[in-house]
C-alpha atoms as a PDB file:
ATOM      1  CA  MET A   1       1.828 210.871 162.588  1.00  0.00           C
ATOM      2  CA  ASP A   2      -1.635 210.690 161.115  1.00  0.00           C
ATOM      3  CA  TYR A   3      -2.966 212.171 164.351  1.00  0.00           C
ATOM      4  CA  TYR A   4      -0.686 215.201 164.047  1.00  0.00           C
ATOM      5  CA  GLU A   5      -2.072 215.887 160.606  1.00  0.00           C
ATOM      6  CA  ALA A   6      -5.676 215.113 161.603  1.00  0.00           C
ATOM      7  CA  VAL A   7      -5.647 217.670 164.433  1.00  0.00           C
ATOM      8  CA  LYS A   8      -3.927 220.202 162.163  1.00  0.00           C
ATOM      9  CA  LEU A   9      -0.601 220.401 163.983  1.00  0.00           C
ATOM     10  CA  CYS A  10       0.968 220.345 160.527  1.00  0.00           C
ATOM     11  CA  GLU A  11       0.128 220.194 156.859  1.00  0.00           C
ATOM     12  CA  PRO A  12      -0.624 216.788 155.298  1.00  0.00           C
ATOM     13  CA  GLY A  13       2.575 214.843 154.707  1.00  0.00           C
ATOM     14  CA  GLN A  14       4.636 217.045 157.041  1.00  0.00           C
ATOM     15  CA  ALA A  15       4.262 215.233 160.380  1.00  0.00           C
ATOM     16  CA  TRP A  16       7.693 213.666 160.012  1.00  0.00           C
ATOM     17  CA  LYS A  17       9.206 217.141 160.380  1.00  0.00           C
ATOM     18  CA  LEU A  18       7.621 217.576 163.816  1.00  0.00           C
ATOM     19  CA  ILE A  19       9.225 214.344 164.936  1.00  0.00           C
ATOM     20  CA  GLU A  20      12.581 215.087 163.337  1.00  0.00           C
ATOM     21  CA  GLU A  21      12.667 218.520 164.997  1.00  0.00           C
ATOM     22  CA  GLN A  22      11.518 216.977 168.323  1.00  0.00           C
ATOM     23  CA  ALA A  23       8.708 219.546 168.437  1.00  0.00           C
ATOM     24  CA  THR A  24       6.280 217.011 169.919  1.00  0.00           C
ATOM     25  CA  TRP A  25       8.612 215.805 172.662  1.00  0.00           C
ATOM     26  CA  PRO A  26       7.707 216.732 176.272  1.00  0.00           C
ATOM     27  CA  ASN A  27      10.151 219.656 176.185  1.00  0.00           C
ATOM     28  CA  GLY A  28       9.329 220.607 172.567  1.00  0.00           C
ATOM     29  CA  ASP A  29       7.321 223.515 171.215  1.00  0.00           C
ATOM     30  CA  ILE A  30       4.076 221.502 171.011  1.00  0.00           C
ATOM     31  CA  PRO A  31       4.355 218.567 173.447  1.00  0.00           C
ATOM     32  CA  VAL A  32       2.071 215.676 172.579  1.00  0.00           C
ATOM     33  CA  ASP A  33       1.120 212.860 174.950  1.00  0.00           C
ATOM     34  CA  PRO A  34       4.021 213.068 177.451  1.00  0.00           C
ATOM     35  CA  SER A  35       2.735 210.111 179.477  1.00  0.00           C
ATOM     36  CA  GLY A  36       2.821 207.774 176.511  1.00  0.00           C
ATOM     37  CA  GLY A  37      -0.936 207.516 176.560  1.00  0.00           C
ATOM     38  CA  VAL A  38      -3.052 204.419 176.295  1.00  0.00           C
ATOM     39  CA  VAL A  39      -2.153 203.711 172.687  1.00  0.00           C
ATOM     40  CA  CYS A  40       1.546 203.050 173.209  1.00  0.00           C
ATOM     41  CA  THR A  41       2.089 200.062 175.519  1.00  0.00           C
ATOM     42  CA  ASN A  42      -0.828 199.449 177.851  1.00  0.00           C
ATOM     43  CA  ALA A  43      -2.505 196.072 177.789  1.00  0.00           C
ATOM     44  CA  ILE A  44      -5.998 196.159 176.320  1.00  0.00           C
ATOM     45  CA  GLY A  45      -7.684 195.482 179.666  1.00  0.00           C
ATOM     46  CA  ALA A  46      -5.634 198.125 181.473  1.00  0.00           C
ATOM     47  CA  THR A  47      -6.476 200.974 179.112  1.00  0.00           C
ATOM     48  CA  GLY A  48      -9.517 202.148 181.079  1.00  0.00           C
ATOM     49  CA  LEU A  49      -7.731 201.668 184.378  1.00  0.00           C
ATOM     50  CA  HIS A  50      -4.942 203.952 183.205  1.00  0.00           C
ATOM     51  CA  ARG A  51      -7.484 206.726 182.599  1.00  0.00           C
ATOM     52  CA  VAL A  52      -9.118 206.226 186.010  1.00  0.00           C
ATOM     53  CA  ALA A  53      -5.763 206.224 187.803  1.00  0.00           C
ATOM     54  CA  GLU A  54      -4.611 209.406 186.058  1.00  0.00           C
ATOM     55  CA  ALA A  55      -7.911 211.145 186.848  1.00  0.00           C
ATOM     56  CA  ALA A  56      -7.632 210.115 190.504  1.00  0.00           C
ATOM     57  CA  LEU A  57      -4.109 211.526 190.719  1.00  0.00           C
ATOM     58  CA  GLN A  58      -5.242 214.818 189.221  1.00  0.00           C
ATOM     59  CA  ILE A  59      -8.280 215.095 191.497  1.00  0.00           C
ATOM     60  CA  ARG A  60      -6.132 214.388 194.548  1.00  0.00           C
ATOM     61  CA  GLU A  61      -3.642 216.983 193.284  1.00  0.00           C
ATOM     62  CA  MET A  62      -0.818 214.474 193.428  1.00  0.00           C
ATOM     63  CA  PRO A  63       2.434 215.636 191.814  1.00  0.00           C
ATOM     64  CA  ALA A  64       2.584 214.674 188.166  1.00  0.00           C
ATOM     65  CA  ARG A  65       6.336 213.985 188.305  1.00  0.00           C
ATOM     66  CA  ASP A  66       7.634 213.280 184.820  1.00  0.00           C
ATOM     67  CA  ARG A  67       4.174 213.394 183.195  1.00  0.00           C
ATOM     68  CA  SER A  68       3.701 217.143 183.546  1.00  0.00           C
ATOM     69  CA  ILE A  69       4.834 219.703 181.043  1.00  0.00           C
END
């Protein structure tokens, strides 16, 4: 929630409203990190690999499946 406030998606102390209203969900008004990103569950050593794999998929124009908005 600190990130939402830091990038000015909401006023300080109001990030909980974005979550409660599901505004940041993949089908919300302002989707945030639909893939889960590297902060959520990736092992420390796999963090960089996740970025490389995603970049390779985008360069090869592979379908994004459930990651696209």
